[in-house]
Amino acid sequence: MLAKEWSRKSRICSVSQLQPELIQAVRRKADDAELGRVEADVLFCVETESEKIKKNIFSSLAGFKDKVIYNAALVTPDWFIMAYYGEKTGGFATFYYYEKMEVNSLRPGMIDDCGLEIIAQGHGVLQRGMFFVGLENQLIANQLKEELRAAIAKVG
């Protein structure tokens, strides 16, 4: 098992309670892609503050420059939205389609962390990719997983 690299604090909140930079990233992406205002349609929202506690070679190769990263996971009827903000890297958001989305809990024994592994296709991207949503604890991870599975079932 790889050692713990991040200390995380997650909270379920409303969109208006998110870090302003996260909201700005979501709005910017929605405006650029002409997706409209999505904040009013959010069914579930969780914000996580992740602080880097251990640096490794993979972090450097992946381009992580920030000691603290904020992310927001937003479930809407039409999109799963991930927004990120770091002081050095700035903010950005990705809108993911529910069609063909797979959501799984982090497999025990891989790394000392908590969260969800998601395979999905982002808006404007030609193929699906896998990404990790780091969360503070399994209770919040399970809530997000159930919200995502309910949204997936509605479009499937």
Protein backbone atom coordinates (compact mmCIF):
# COMPACT_ATOMS: atom_id res chain seq x y z
CA MET A 1 0.00 0.00 0.00
CA LEU A 2 1.26 3.46 -0.89
CA ALA A 3 1.57 5.86 2.04
CA LYS A 4 -0.98 8.61 2.60
CA GLU A 5 -0.14 11.67 0.51
CA TRP A 6 -3.07 13.98 1.21
CA SER A 7 -4.94 15.21 4.27
CA ARG A 8 -8.55 15.88 3.26
CA LYS A 9 -11.48 17.80 4.73
CA SER A 10 -14.82 17.34 2.94
CA ARG A 11 -18.20 18.91 3.54
CA ILE A 12 -21.57 18.56 1.93
CA CYS A 13 -22.78 22.06 1.12
CA SER A 14 -24.83 24.23 -1.21
CA VAL A 15 -23.25 25.70 -4.32
CA SER A 16 -23.31 29.16 -2.72
CA GLN A 17 -21.06 27.85 0.09
CA LEU A 18 -18.30 26.69 -2.28
CA GLN A 19 -14.97 28.49 -2.57
CA PRO A 20 -15.62 31.43 -4.97
CA GLU A 21 -12.89 30.17 -7.33
CA LEU A 22 -14.72 26.84 -7.72
CA ILE A 23 -18.00 28.56 -8.59
CA GLN A 24 -16.16 30.80 -11.07
CA ALA A 25 -14.56 27.74 -12.73
CA VAL A 26 -17.97 26.07 -13.13
CA ARG A 27 -19.55 29.22 -14.55
CA ARG A 28 -16.63 29.82 -16.93
CA LYS A 29 -16.82 26.26 -18.31
CA ALA A 30 -20.63 26.40 -18.60
CA ASP A 31 -20.43 29.74 -20.44
CA ASP A 32 -17.59 28.64 -22.74
CA ALA A 33 -19.44 25.44 -23.69
CA GLU A 34 -22.83 27.21 -23.85
CA LEU A 35 -24.32 24.83 -21.28
CA GLY A 36 -26.34 27.47 -19.43
CA ARG A 37 -26.48 28.10 -15.70
CA VAL A 38 -26.24 24.78 -13.88
CA GLU A 39 -26.04 25.97 -10.27
CA ALA A 40 -29.81 26.05 -9.78
CA ASP A 41 -30.08 22.39 -10.78
CA VAL A 42 -27.51 20.95 -8.34
CA LEU A 43 -28.90 17.92 -6.51
CA PHE A 44 -25.81 17.18 -4.42
CA CYS A 45 -22.62 19.14 -3.76
CA VAL A 46 -19.49 18.30 -1.81
CA GLU A 47 -16.34 20.39 -1.43
CA THR A 48 -12.98 18.96 -0.42
CA GLU A 49 -9.85 20.73 0.71
CA SER A 50 -6.81 18.51 0.11
CA GLU A 51 -3.47 19.40 1.67
CA LYS A 52 -0.33 17.66 0.40
CA ILE A 53 1.42 15.95 3.31
CA LYS A 54 3.88 13.82 1.35
CA LYS A 55 5.53 14.56 -1.96
CA ASN A 56 6.49 11.78 -4.35
CA ILE A 57 7.81 11.50 -7.88
CA PHE A 58 4.34 10.80 -9.32
CA SER A 59 3.03 14.11 -7.98
CA SER A 60 5.84 15.98 -9.69
CA LEU A 61 5.33 14.11 -12.97
CA ALA A 62 1.58 14.71 -12.86
CA GLY A 63 2.19 18.44 -12.51
CA PHE A 64 0.80 19.00 -9.00
CA LYS A 65 2.21 22.38 -8.00
CA ASP A 66 -0.12 23.30 -5.17
CA LYS A 67 0.22 22.32 -1.53
CA VAL A 68 -3.53 22.86 -1.08
CA ILE A 69 -6.15 22.00 -3.70
CA TYR A 70 -9.88 22.60 -3.46
CA ASN A 71 -12.32 20.55 -5.47
CA ALA A 72 -16.06 20.38 -5.77
CA ALA A 73 -18.18 17.49 -6.99
CA LEU A 74 -21.62 18.57 -8.19
CA VAL A 75 -24.39 16.22 -9.25
CA THR A 76 -27.03 17.76 -11.53
CA PRO A 77 -29.77 16.06 -13.56
CA ASP A 78 -27.69 16.43 -16.74
CA TRP A 79 -24.04 16.52 -15.69
CA PHE A 80 -21.52 15.40 -13.11
CA ILE A 81 -19.29 18.43 -12.62
CA MET A 82 -15.81 18.41 -11.10
CA ALA A 83 -14.25 21.80 -10.33
CA TYR A 84 -10.67 22.31 -9.11
CA TYR A 85 -8.73 25.24 -7.75
CA GLY A 86 -5.14 25.64 -6.61
CA GLU A 87 -3.33 28.92 -5.99
CA LYS A 88 -0.61 28.12 -8.54
CA THR A 89 -2.61 26.13 -11.09
CA GLY A 90 -5.77 28.26 -11.01
CA GLY A 91 -9.29 26.95 -11.46
CA PHE A 92 -10.99 24.76 -14.01
CA ALA A 93 -14.05 22.55 -14.30
CA THR A 94 -15.02 19.51 -16.33
CA PHE A 95 -18.57 18.43 -17.13
CA TYR A 96 -19.03 14.66 -17.42
CA TYR A 97 -21.80 12.75 -19.20
CA TYR A 98 -23.71 10.12 -17.19
CA GLU A 99 -24.01 7.81 -20.19
CA LYS A 100 -21.50 4.95 -19.84
CA MET A 101 -20.24 6.36 -16.50
CA GLU A 102 -18.87 3.86 -13.99
CA VAL A 103 -18.54 4.72 -10.31
CA ASN A 104 -16.63 2.58 -7.81
CA SER A 105 -15.26 2.96 -4.32
CA LEU A 106 -11.50 3.04 -4.04
CA ARG A 107 -10.24 -0.51 -3.82
CA PRO A 108 -8.74 -1.28 -0.40
CA GLY A 109 -5.00 -1.79 -0.29
CA MET A 110 -4.07 0.35 -3.30
CA ILE A 111 -3.35 3.63 -1.55
CA ASP A 112 -4.06 5.03 1.89
CA ASP A 113 -6.85 7.36 0.80
CA CYS A 114 -10.62 7.59 0.50
CA GLY A 115 -12.77 8.44 -2.47
CA LEU A 116 -14.26 7.24 -5.73
CA GLU A 117 -12.79 5.95 -8.96
CA ILE A 118 -14.84 7.19 -11.89
CA ILE A 119 -14.71 6.30 -15.56
CA ALA A 120 -16.55 8.83 -17.69
CA GLN A 121 -16.46 10.95 -20.80
CA GLY A 122 -16.07 14.68 -20.36
CA HIS A 123 -17.85 17.28 -22.46
CA GLY A 124 -15.72 18.02 -25.51
CA VAL A 125 -13.60 14.88 -25.03
CA LEU A 126 -13.69 12.03 -27.56
CA GLN A 127 -13.26 9.09 -25.19
CA ARG A 128 -13.80 8.06 -21.59
CA GLY A 129 -11.07 8.38 -19.01
CA MET A 130 -10.57 7.37 -15.39
CA PHE A 131 -10.12 9.82 -12.54
CA PHE A 132 -10.12 9.78 -8.76
CA VAL A 133 -12.30 11.94 -6.51
CA GLY A 134 -10.52 12.21 -3.15
CA LEU A 135 -12.82 12.64 -0.15
CA GLU A 136 -12.33 12.86 3.60
CA ASN A 137 -14.19 9.71 4.61
CA GLN A 138 -16.15 6.72 3.35
CA LEU A 139 -19.49 8.10 4.54
CA ILE A 140 -19.23 11.08 2.19
CA ALA A 141 -17.83 8.85 -0.58
CA ASN A 142 -20.85 6.53 -0.24
CA GLN A 143 -23.28 9.48 -0.35
CA LEU A 144 -21.68 10.83 -3.53
CA LYS A 145 -21.62 7.34 -5.07
CA GLU A 146 -25.36 6.85 -4.38
CA GLU A 147 -26.23 10.28 -5.81
CA LEU A 148 -24.21 9.53 -8.95
CA ARG A 149 -25.75 6.09 -9.38
CA ALA A 150 -29.25 7.59 -9.07
CA ALA A 151 -28.41 10.21 -11.73
CA ILE A 152 -26.93 7.52 -13.99
CA ALA A 153 -30.07 5.38 -13.60
CA LYS A 154 -32.30 8.29 -14.68
CA VAL A 155 -30.48 8.71 -17.99
CA GLY A 156 -29.94 5.00 -18.62
